[in-house]
Amino acid sequence: MQITYDREVETLHIQFKDITVTTQHLTIGIAADYDDNGRLTGIEFLDVVKQLGNTTVFKKVILEDVVLGNPDNA
């Protein structure tokens, strides 16, 4: 999984799989990426600073119950 923030265009992208996708706009400022089988591969948030008010939310990331290694062996 990769999480990126682009300051120039104010987008936050959470990518679960690195694969060719089809993007569907869900609502104003939120788009979802899907693979050929219709599975979610990523989420993109547009105008993040406008929606959140500031970027302090990016200073802390909490991952709960993360399985490291091969998830099929969990």
Foldseek 3Di string as FASTA:
>chain_A
DDWDADPVFGKIKDFQDDDDWDWDADDVQKIFTADPVRHTGMIMGGPNCVVPVHDPVVVDDDDPPDDPDDPVVD
